[in-house]
């Protein structure tokens, strides 16, 4: 089962469940997380369902490529990390 984890800075604003799920794509894995906490969706995806500009997702150490369709493939052993990039100076 793929493992999905969100970084601590997101947890300050919304509950970010760690989960193991049966998902074949990034979109499916995120949908499972949103099922657990629907408020999380607004922090990760924009109104069109694309990754927000300041959200980065890494799958097995590589940055996710499909920011709009969320079709990056997952395996049963995939580790997905979702983080919100910090901005400012």
N, C-alpha and C. Protein backbone atom coordinates (compact mmCIF):
# COMPACT_ATOMS: atom_id res chain seq x y z
N UNK A 1 0.84 -1.18 0.00
CA UNK A 1 0.00 0.00 0.00
C UNK A 1 0.88 1.25 0.00
N UNK A 2 0.51 2.23 -0.78
CA UNK A 2 1.26 3.48 -0.83
C UNK A 2 1.10 4.22 0.50
N UNK A 3 2.16 4.88 0.91
CA UNK A 3 2.16 5.65 2.16
C UNK A 3 2.13 7.13 1.81
N UNK A 4 1.18 7.87 2.40
CA UNK A 4 1.04 9.30 2.15
C UNK A 4 1.25 10.04 3.45
N UNK A 5 2.09 11.07 3.38
CA UNK A 5 2.40 11.85 4.58
C UNK A 5 2.47 13.33 4.21
N UNK A 6 1.99 14.17 5.11
CA UNK A 6 2.00 15.62 4.93
C UNK A 6 2.97 16.23 5.93
N UNK A 7 3.67 17.27 5.53
CA UNK A 7 4.65 17.87 6.42
C UNK A 7 3.99 18.68 7.53
N UNK A 8 4.76 18.94 8.56
CA UNK A 8 4.25 19.55 9.79
C UNK A 8 3.67 20.95 9.59
N UNK A 9 4.20 21.74 8.65
CA UNK A 9 3.68 23.10 8.52
C UNK A 9 2.22 23.11 8.10
N UNK A 10 1.76 22.12 7.36
CA UNK A 10 0.34 22.03 7.02
C UNK A 10 -0.51 21.66 8.24
N UNK A 11 0.06 20.87 9.13
CA UNK A 11 -0.68 20.42 10.31
C UNK A 11 -1.06 21.58 11.22
N UNK A 12 -0.35 22.69 11.12
CA UNK A 12 -0.71 23.87 11.93
C UNK A 12 -2.08 24.41 11.55
N UNK A 13 -2.51 24.18 10.33
CA UNK A 13 -3.76 24.76 9.82
C UNK A 13 -4.90 23.76 9.71
N UNK A 14 -4.57 22.49 9.48
CA UNK A 14 -5.59 21.49 9.24
C UNK A 14 -5.03 20.11 9.60
N UNK A 15 -5.89 19.22 10.06
CA UNK A 15 -5.45 17.87 10.39
C UNK A 15 -4.92 17.18 9.13
N UNK A 16 -3.73 16.64 9.23
CA UNK A 16 -3.08 16.00 8.08
C UNK A 16 -2.81 14.54 8.42
N UNK A 17 -3.73 13.68 8.04
CA UNK A 17 -3.57 12.27 8.39
C UNK A 17 -2.45 11.59 7.61
N UNK A 18 -1.66 10.77 8.32
CA UNK A 18 -0.75 9.86 7.62
C UNK A 18 -1.60 8.66 7.25
N UNK A 19 -1.42 8.15 6.06
CA UNK A 19 -2.23 7.01 5.70
C UNK A 19 -1.53 6.09 4.73
N UNK A 20 -1.92 4.85 4.80
CA UNK A 20 -1.51 3.84 3.84
C UNK A 20 -2.76 3.50 3.05
N UNK A 21 -2.65 3.55 1.73
CA UNK A 21 -3.84 3.34 0.91
C UNK A 21 -3.50 2.59 -0.37
N UNK A 22 -4.51 1.96 -0.89
CA UNK A 22 -4.41 1.25 -2.15
C UNK A 22 -4.76 2.26 -3.24
N UNK A 23 -3.76 2.85 -3.87
CA UNK A 23 -3.97 3.87 -4.90
C UNK A 23 -2.97 3.66 -6.02
N UNK A 24 -3.42 3.84 -7.23
CA UNK A 24 -2.56 3.66 -8.40
C UNK A 24 -1.99 4.97 -8.92
N UNK A 25 -2.60 6.10 -8.52
CA UNK A 25 -2.12 7.41 -8.97
C UNK A 25 -2.08 8.37 -7.78
N UNK A 26 -1.38 9.46 -7.97
CA UNK A 26 -1.33 10.49 -6.95
C UNK A 26 -2.73 11.01 -6.66
N UNK A 27 -3.52 11.22 -7.69
CA UNK A 27 -4.88 11.72 -7.49
C UNK A 27 -5.72 10.80 -6.61
N UNK A 28 -5.59 9.50 -6.82
CA UNK A 28 -6.33 8.54 -5.99
C UNK A 28 -5.86 8.59 -4.54
N UNK A 29 -4.57 8.70 -4.33
CA UNK A 29 -4.03 8.76 -2.97
C UNK A 29 -4.50 10.03 -2.25
N UNK A 30 -4.46 11.16 -2.96
CA UNK A 30 -4.93 12.40 -2.34
C UNK A 30 -6.42 12.32 -2.04
N UNK A 31 -7.18 11.71 -2.93
CA UNK A 31 -8.62 11.56 -2.69
C UNK A 31 -8.88 10.79 -1.40
N UNK A 32 -8.07 9.78 -1.10
CA UNK A 32 -8.23 9.01 0.14
C UNK A 32 -7.96 9.91 1.36
N UNK A 33 -6.94 10.77 1.23
CA UNK A 33 -6.65 11.70 2.33
C UNK A 33 -7.79 12.70 2.51
N UNK A 34 -8.34 13.19 1.41
CA UNK A 34 -9.45 14.15 1.48
C UNK A 34 -10.71 13.49 2.04
N UNK A 35 -10.87 12.19 1.82
CA UNK A 35 -12.00 11.47 2.42
C UNK A 35 -11.89 11.51 3.94
N UNK A 36 -10.68 11.42 4.45
CA UNK A 36 -10.46 11.45 5.90
C UNK A 36 -10.64 12.84 6.47
N UNK A 37 -10.24 13.86 5.71
CA UNK A 37 -10.40 15.24 6.15
C UNK A 37 -10.68 16.12 4.94
N UNK A 38 -11.94 16.39 4.63
CA UNK A 38 -12.29 17.19 3.45
C UNK A 38 -11.69 18.60 3.44
N UNK A 39 -11.45 19.19 4.62
CA UNK A 39 -10.85 20.54 4.67
C UNK A 39 -9.45 20.56 4.08
N UNK A 40 -8.76 19.45 4.11
CA UNK A 40 -7.40 19.37 3.60
C UNK A 40 -7.33 19.69 2.11
N UNK A 41 -8.37 19.34 1.37
CA UNK A 41 -8.41 19.56 -0.08
C UNK A 41 -8.11 21.01 -0.46
N UNK A 42 -8.70 21.96 0.24
CA UNK A 42 -8.51 23.37 -0.06
C UNK A 42 -7.09 23.87 0.15
N UNK A 43 -6.33 23.19 0.98
CA UNK A 43 -4.94 23.56 1.20
C UNK A 43 -4.01 22.97 0.15
N UNK A 44 -4.44 21.89 -0.49
CA UNK A 44 -3.60 21.18 -1.45
C UNK A 44 -3.97 21.49 -2.90
N UNK A 45 -5.26 21.56 -3.18
CA UNK A 45 -5.72 21.76 -4.57
C UNK A 45 -6.43 23.09 -4.73
N UNK A 46 -6.34 23.66 -5.94
CA UNK A 46 -7.06 24.89 -6.24
C UNK A 46 -8.48 24.55 -6.71
N UNK A 47 -9.22 25.56 -7.17
CA UNK A 47 -10.61 25.35 -7.59
C UNK A 47 -10.75 24.44 -8.81
N UNK A 48 -9.69 24.31 -9.60
CA UNK A 48 -9.72 23.45 -10.78
C UNK A 48 -9.25 22.02 -10.47
N UNK A 49 -8.87 21.77 -9.22
CA UNK A 49 -8.40 20.45 -8.84
C UNK A 49 -6.93 20.22 -9.13
N UNK A 50 -6.19 21.29 -9.40
CA UNK A 50 -4.75 21.21 -9.66
C UNK A 50 -4.00 21.49 -8.36
N UNK A 51 -2.77 20.98 -8.27
CA UNK A 51 -1.96 21.31 -7.10
C UNK A 51 -1.78 22.81 -7.00
N UNK A 52 -1.93 23.34 -5.82
CA UNK A 52 -1.70 24.78 -5.62
C UNK A 52 -0.24 25.12 -5.93
N UNK A 53 -0.01 26.36 -6.29
CA UNK A 53 1.32 26.82 -6.70
C UNK A 53 2.38 26.53 -5.64
N UNK A 54 2.05 26.73 -4.39
CA UNK A 54 3.04 26.59 -3.32
C UNK A 54 2.99 25.23 -2.64
N UNK A 55 2.47 24.23 -3.34
CA UNK A 55 2.46 22.86 -2.82
C UNK A 55 3.38 22.01 -3.68
N UNK A 56 4.25 21.28 -3.04
CA UNK A 56 5.14 20.35 -3.74
C UNK A 56 4.83 18.93 -3.27
N UNK A 57 4.86 18.00 -4.21
CA UNK A 57 4.62 16.60 -3.89
C UNK A 57 5.79 15.78 -4.40
N UNK A 58 6.30 14.92 -3.56
CA UNK A 58 7.40 14.04 -3.93
C UNK A 58 6.92 12.60 -3.81
N UNK A 59 7.19 11.84 -4.85
CA UNK A 59 6.85 10.42 -4.89
C UNK A 59 8.16 9.65 -4.99
N UNK A 60 8.44 8.87 -3.99
CA UNK A 60 9.68 8.09 -3.95
C UNK A 60 10.91 8.96 -4.22
N UNK A 61 10.91 10.16 -3.64
CA UNK A 61 12.04 11.06 -3.75
C UNK A 61 12.09 11.91 -5.01
N UNK A 62 11.11 11.77 -5.89
CA UNK A 62 11.08 12.55 -7.14
C UNK A 62 9.85 13.44 -7.15
N UNK A 63 10.04 14.66 -7.61
CA UNK A 63 8.93 15.61 -7.65
C UNK A 63 7.86 15.13 -8.62
N UNK A 64 6.60 15.23 -8.21
CA UNK A 64 5.47 14.85 -9.07
C UNK A 64 5.48 15.73 -10.31
N UNK A 65 5.21 15.13 -11.46
CA UNK A 65 5.26 15.86 -12.72
C UNK A 65 3.92 16.42 -13.16
N UNK A 66 2.86 15.70 -12.93
CA UNK A 66 1.54 16.11 -13.41
C UNK A 66 0.80 16.88 -12.32
N UNK A 67 0.96 18.19 -12.31
CA UNK A 67 0.37 19.04 -11.30
C UNK A 67 -1.11 19.31 -11.54
N UNK A 68 -1.59 19.03 -12.75
CA UNK A 68 -3.00 19.31 -13.03
C UNK A 68 -3.85 18.04 -13.04
N UNK A 69 -3.39 16.98 -13.68
CA UNK A 69 -4.17 15.75 -13.76
C UNK A 69 -3.92 14.79 -12.61
N UNK A 70 -2.81 14.98 -11.91
CA UNK A 70 -2.42 14.15 -10.76
C UNK A 70 -2.34 12.67 -11.15
N UNK A 71 -1.81 12.41 -12.35
CA UNK A 71 -1.77 11.04 -12.87
C UNK A 71 -0.45 10.32 -12.60
N UNK A 72 0.46 10.92 -11.85
CA UNK A 72 1.72 10.24 -11.55
C UNK A 72 1.41 8.88 -10.93
N UNK A 73 2.08 7.85 -11.44
CA UNK A 73 1.82 6.48 -11.01
C UNK A 73 2.42 6.19 -9.64
N UNK A 74 1.71 5.38 -8.88
CA UNK A 74 2.18 4.90 -7.59
C UNK A 74 2.27 3.38 -7.63
N UNK A 75 3.17 2.85 -6.83
CA UNK A 75 3.24 1.40 -6.64
C UNK A 75 2.79 1.11 -5.21
N UNK A 76 2.69 -0.15 -4.90
CA UNK A 76 2.30 -0.54 -3.54
C UNK A 76 3.33 -0.09 -2.51
N UNK A 77 4.57 0.14 -2.93
CA UNK A 77 5.63 0.55 -2.02
C UNK A 77 5.92 2.06 -2.06
N UNK A 78 5.16 2.82 -2.83
CA UNK A 78 5.44 4.25 -2.98
C UNK A 78 5.29 5.01 -1.67
N UNK A 79 6.15 6.00 -1.53
CA UNK A 79 6.08 6.92 -0.40
C UNK A 79 5.84 8.31 -0.98
N UNK A 80 4.73 8.93 -0.57
CA UNK A 80 4.31 10.23 -1.08
C UNK A 80 4.43 11.24 0.04
N UNK A 81 5.14 12.34 -0.22
CA UNK A 81 5.27 13.42 0.75
C UNK A 81 4.71 14.69 0.14
N UNK A 82 3.80 15.33 0.88
CA UNK A 82 3.16 16.56 0.42
C UNK A 82 3.62 17.68 1.34
N UNK A 83 4.13 18.74 0.75
CA UNK A 83 4.58 19.86 1.56
C UNK A 83 4.15 21.18 0.95
N UNK A 84 3.98 22.13 1.81
CA UNK A 84 3.63 23.48 1.40
C UNK A 84 4.91 24.30 1.47
N UNK A 85 5.30 24.83 0.31
CA UNK A 85 6.53 25.62 0.25
C UNK A 85 6.34 26.92 1.03
N UNK A 86 7.35 27.33 1.73
CA UNK A 86 7.32 28.59 2.47
C UNK A 86 7.77 29.70 1.55
N UNK A 87 7.13 30.86 1.68
CA UNK A 87 7.53 32.00 0.86
C UNK A 87 7.75 33.19 1.78
N UNK A 88 8.35 34.20 1.24
CA UNK A 88 8.63 35.40 2.03
C UNK A 88 10.11 35.63 2.11
N UNK A 89 10.49 36.61 2.87
CA UNK A 89 11.90 36.90 2.92
C UNK A 89 12.37 37.40 4.22
